[in-house]
Protein backbone atom coordinates (compact mmCIF):
# COMPACT_ATOMS: atom_id res chain seq x y z
CA GLY A 1 9.17 36.28 31.63
CA LEU A 2 9.88 35.70 27.95
CA GLU A 3 7.19 33.56 26.34
CA LEU A 4 5.40 32.92 23.05
CA SER A 5 1.76 32.91 22.05
CA VAL A 6 0.10 31.48 18.97
CA ASN A 7 -3.27 32.98 18.00
CA ASN A 8 -3.39 34.45 21.55
CA HIS A 9 -2.77 31.05 23.18
CA ALA A 10 0.25 30.92 25.49
CA ALA A 11 -0.01 27.12 25.92
CA ASP A 12 -0.44 24.18 23.54
CA PHE A 13 -3.94 23.93 22.09
CA SER A 14 -6.10 22.18 19.50
CA LEU A 15 -7.66 24.06 16.59
CA SER A 16 -10.78 22.65 14.92
CA THR A 17 -11.33 23.45 11.27
CA THR A 18 -12.86 22.04 8.08
CA LEU A 19 -11.61 21.08 4.63
CA GLY A 20 -10.82 23.87 2.20
CA PRO A 21 -10.64 27.29 3.89
CA PRO A 22 -7.11 28.32 4.89
CA VAL A 23 -5.91 28.40 8.50
CA SER A 24 -3.61 31.22 9.63
CA LEU A 25 -1.28 30.82 12.60
CA SER A 26 0.42 33.83 14.14
CA CYS A 27 3.28 33.47 16.62
CA LEU A 28 4.18 36.44 18.83
CA VAL A 29 7.03 37.00 21.29
CA GLN A 30 5.80 38.28 24.66
CA ASN A 31 7.83 40.37 27.15
CA SER A 32 10.88 40.69 24.92
CA SER A 33 13.46 43.46 25.35
CA GLN A 34 15.29 42.59 22.12
CA ALA A 35 14.69 41.19 18.63
CA GLU A 36 14.00 37.46 18.84
CA GLU A 37 14.13 35.04 15.90
CA LEU A 38 11.27 32.57 15.59
CA LEU A 39 11.10 29.12 13.99
CA TRP A 40 8.08 27.14 12.76
CA TYR A 41 7.84 23.35 12.49
CA ARG A 42 5.27 21.11 10.84
CA GLY A 43 5.65 17.87 12.76
CA ASP A 44 9.42 17.30 12.88
CA GLY A 45 10.15 19.28 9.71
CA GLN A 46 11.14 22.94 9.79
CA VAL A 47 9.07 25.38 7.75
CA ASP A 48 10.90 27.80 5.42
CA LEU A 49 10.18 31.39 6.40
CA LYS A 50 10.91 34.60 4.50
CA ASP A 51 13.40 37.01 6.09
CA GLY A 52 10.73 39.54 7.02
CA ASN A 53 8.66 36.88 8.76
CA LYS A 54 11.03 35.69 11.48
CA VAL A 55 11.58 38.39 14.09
CA ASN A 56 9.25 38.83 17.09
CA VAL A 57 6.19 38.04 14.95
CA SER A 58 5.88 35.17 12.47
CA ASN A 59 2.86 34.02 10.48
CA ILE A 60 2.21 30.85 8.49
CA CYS A 61 -0.83 29.82 6.48
CA VAL A 62 -2.11 26.29 5.79
CA SER A 63 -3.94 26.55 2.46
CA PRO A 64 -5.97 24.72 1.42
CA VAL A 65 -6.64 22.56 4.45
CA THR A 66 -6.80 18.88 3.43
CA GLU A 67 -7.36 15.50 5.08
CA SER A 68 -3.58 15.07 5.35
CA ASP A 69 -3.46 18.04 7.74
CA ASN A 70 -5.67 16.29 10.29
CA GLY A 71 -3.71 15.40 13.41
CA VAL A 72 -0.66 17.42 12.32
CA THR A 73 1.11 19.56 14.94
CA PHE A 74 2.50 23.01 14.07
CA THR A 75 5.00 24.39 16.58
CA CYS A 76 6.48 27.87 16.99
CA LYS A 77 9.85 27.96 18.79
CA LEU A 78 12.28 30.59 19.97
CA ALA A 79 15.47 30.19 17.90
CA ARG A 80 17.93 30.78 20.77
CA ASP A 81 16.01 28.60 23.23
CA LYS A 82 13.87 25.95 21.57
CA SER A 83 12.36 24.92 24.90
CA VAL A 84 10.27 28.09 24.64
CA GLN A 85 7.52 26.96 22.30
CA VAL A 86 3.79 26.68 21.65
CA SER A 87 2.17 23.87 19.60
CA VAL A 88 -1.11 23.75 17.68
CA LEU A 89 -2.77 20.43 16.85
CA LEU A 90 -5.03 20.68 13.78
CA ASP A 91 -8.35 18.87 14.16
CA VAL A 92 -9.64 18.80 10.56
CA GLN A 93 -13.25 17.63 10.44
CA PHE A 94 -14.64 16.11 7.24
CA PRO A 95 -17.49 13.79 6.20
CA PRO A 96 -17.03 10.30 4.68
CA GLN A 97 -15.67 10.47 1.12
CA LEU A 98 -17.58 7.51 -0.29
CA SER A 99 -19.70 7.15 -3.44
CA GLY A 100 -20.19 5.22 -6.69
CA GLU A 101 -20.80 1.58 -7.51
CA GLU A 102 -18.86 -1.51 -8.51
CA SER A 103 -19.74 -4.79 -10.24
CA LEU A 104 -18.24 -8.04 -9.01
CA ARG A 105 -18.37 -11.42 -10.78
CA THR A 106 -17.29 -14.61 -9.12
CA GLU A 107 -17.94 -18.36 -9.25
CA GLU A 108 -19.78 -20.46 -6.73
CA GLU A 109 -17.66 -21.72 -3.83
CA LYS A 110 -15.15 -18.87 -4.15
CA ASP A 111 -14.59 -16.09 -1.60
CA VAL A 112 -15.32 -12.44 -2.38
CA THR A 113 -14.42 -9.21 -0.53
CA MET A 114 -16.08 -5.79 -0.82
CA SER A 115 -14.12 -2.81 0.52
CA CYS A 116 -15.19 0.76 1.38
CA ASN A 117 -13.26 3.88 2.37
CA ALA A 118 -14.65 4.76 5.80
CA LYS A 119 -12.26 7.62 6.56
CA SER A 120 -13.89 10.60 8.27
CA ASN A 121 -13.50 12.92 11.25
CA PRO A 122 -15.27 12.43 13.58
CA GLN A 123 -15.23 8.68 12.96
CA ALA A 124 -18.38 7.42 11.28
CA GLN A 125 -20.83 4.62 12.02
CA THR A 126 -20.88 1.88 9.38
CA ALA A 127 -23.41 -0.72 8.23
CA TRP A 128 -23.98 -3.19 5.37
CA TYR A 129 -27.25 -3.72 3.48
CA LYS A 130 -28.34 -6.28 0.88
CA ASN A 131 -31.01 -5.21 -1.61
CA ASN A 132 -31.82 -2.24 0.70
CA ASN A 133 -32.41 -4.49 3.72
CA SER A 134 -30.13 -4.79 6.76
CA LEU A 135 -27.71 -7.64 6.14
CA THR A 136 -28.02 -10.57 8.54
CA LEU A 137 -24.50 -11.82 9.19
CA GLU A 138 -24.48 -15.61 9.17
CA GLN A 139 -21.73 -17.10 11.29
CA ASN A 140 -18.88 -18.69 9.29
CA ARG A 141 -20.31 -17.17 6.08
CA TYR A 142 -19.62 -13.48 6.54
CA GLN A 143 -16.55 -11.74 7.89
CA LEU A 144 -16.28 -8.05 8.79
CA TYR A 145 -13.03 -6.10 8.93
CA GLN A 146 -12.91 -2.48 10.03
CA THR A 147 -10.30 0.16 10.80
CA SER A 148 -10.64 3.95 11.03
CA GLU A 149 -10.21 4.10 7.25
CA VAL A 150 -11.42 0.78 5.78
CA PHE A 151 -14.70 -1.14 6.06
CA GLN A 152 -14.76 -4.60 4.45
CA LEU A 153 -17.28 -7.39 4.02
CA SER A 154 -16.09 -10.86 2.97
CA ILE A 155 -18.41 -13.69 1.92
CA ILE A 156 -16.93 -17.16 2.29
CA LYS A 157 -17.71 -19.70 -0.46
CA VAL A 158 -20.41 -17.70 -2.22
CA GLN A 159 -23.65 -19.33 -3.32
CA LYS A 160 -26.21 -18.43 -5.97
CA SER A 161 -28.40 -17.04 -3.19
CA ASP A 162 -25.71 -14.40 -2.57
CA ASN A 163 -26.56 -12.65 -5.86
CA GLY A 164 -27.71 -9.08 -5.27
CA THR A 165 -26.69 -5.50 -4.49
CA TYR A 166 -24.70 -4.91 -1.33
CA THR A 167 -24.52 -1.36 0.02
CA CYS A 168 -21.88 0.01 2.35
CA VAL A 169 -23.28 2.95 4.36
CA VAL A 170 -20.99 5.26 6.36
CA LYS A 171 -22.64 7.95 8.52
CA SER A 172 -21.07 10.75 10.55
CA PRO A 173 -22.47 13.94 12.11
CA LEU A 174 -21.12 15.81 9.07
CA GLY A 175 -22.71 13.67 6.36
CA GLU A 176 -23.22 10.26 4.83
CA GLY A 177 -21.45 8.21 2.19
CA ARG A 178 -22.58 5.02 0.46
CA LYS A 179 -21.31 2.65 -2.20
CA ASP A 180 -23.12 -0.17 -4.06
CA PHE A 181 -21.59 -3.51 -5.01
CA HIS A 182 -23.50 -5.55 -7.61
CA LEU A 183 -22.51 -9.16 -6.94
CA ILE A 184 -23.10 -11.73 -9.69
CA VAL A 185 -22.43 -15.38 -8.77
CA GLU A 186 -21.83 -17.60 -11.81
CA ASP A 187 -21.94 -21.38 -12.12
CA LYS A 188 -18.80 -23.13 -11.05
CA LYS A 189 -16.74 -24.08 -14.08
CA PRO A 190 -16.03 -27.82 -14.31
CA VAL A 191 -12.40 -28.57 -13.64
CA PHE A 192 -10.89 -31.68 -15.24
CA PRO A 193 -8.99 -33.40 -12.41
CA MET A 194 -5.24 -33.30 -12.94
CA GLU A 195 -4.85 -36.70 -11.32
CA ALA A 196 -7.05 -38.25 -13.99
CA VAL A 197 -4.99 -36.62 -16.76
CA ILE A 198 -1.74 -37.94 -15.28
CA ALA A 199 -3.21 -41.43 -14.82
CA ALA A 200 -4.43 -41.49 -18.43
CA VAL A 201 -1.02 -40.44 -19.75
CA VAL A 202 0.69 -43.14 -17.68
CA VAL A 203 -1.75 -45.82 -18.93
CA VAL A 204 -1.30 -44.78 -22.58
CA THR A 205 2.49 -44.69 -22.23
CA VAL A 206 2.67 -48.10 -20.58
CA THR A 207 0.31 -49.59 -23.21
CA VAL A 208 2.44 -48.24 -26.05
CA LEU A 209 5.61 -49.58 -24.46
CA PHE A 210 4.11 -53.03 -23.98
CA GLY A 211 2.91 -52.98 -27.57
CA ILE A 212 6.40 -52.14 -28.81
CA VAL A 213 7.96 -54.88 -26.69
CA ALA A 214 5.39 -57.45 -27.90
CA ARG A 215 6.03 -56.60 -31.56
CA ARG A 216 9.80 -56.15 -31.34
CA ASP A 217 10.54 -59.42 -33.25
CA LYS A 218 8.39 -58.39 -36.20
CA ILE A 219 9.90 -54.89 -36.16
CA PHE A 220 13.44 -56.33 -36.22
CA LYS A 221 12.54 -58.70 -39.06
CA VAL A 222 11.25 -55.78 -41.16
CA TRP A 223 14.48 -53.92 -40.62
């Protein structure tokens, strides 16, 4: 009948919390007739416990709670029989952490990518706007890339008409984040063709060589 409980839960459970305030976890041995040593694990790593915090009752505190604690499992185990255990999965809820603005300069005919941090819990809804209007995604001109943490917009071969302010909006039940990108498309710089340079060098070199050959008799006479 020996068993453990964590925060009065005798089976694995999920604990919802928010960023900042600490979370306390208390592990208690039930139905024990002797002193039992307890162990705590964060994921696969064992937590260091003080000597007075190991026998029959053991407490740990996660403080402050951060984004990195989301999805992490804390497990209390019986030292002499690790199969006796109870796990807690932390469900840390937080709004999108997105703000600010960025200026981008590029030339016509080049590609440009704008990237936003879309990380939140619960996962947020995302959208792109241009000059405060919903962006119409033209096929073969715009590409969207999205994961649970990143939201990207790529414009292929930008044109002068692409000038403007693009806004990434990320909304979740806990809040909203947005970031502006001021895109400036400049005239394409003229590029002198390398083939023409090579051809000109070859022509000049051949002309000089022919000139030397044609005048070799006069050159030898001078010397």
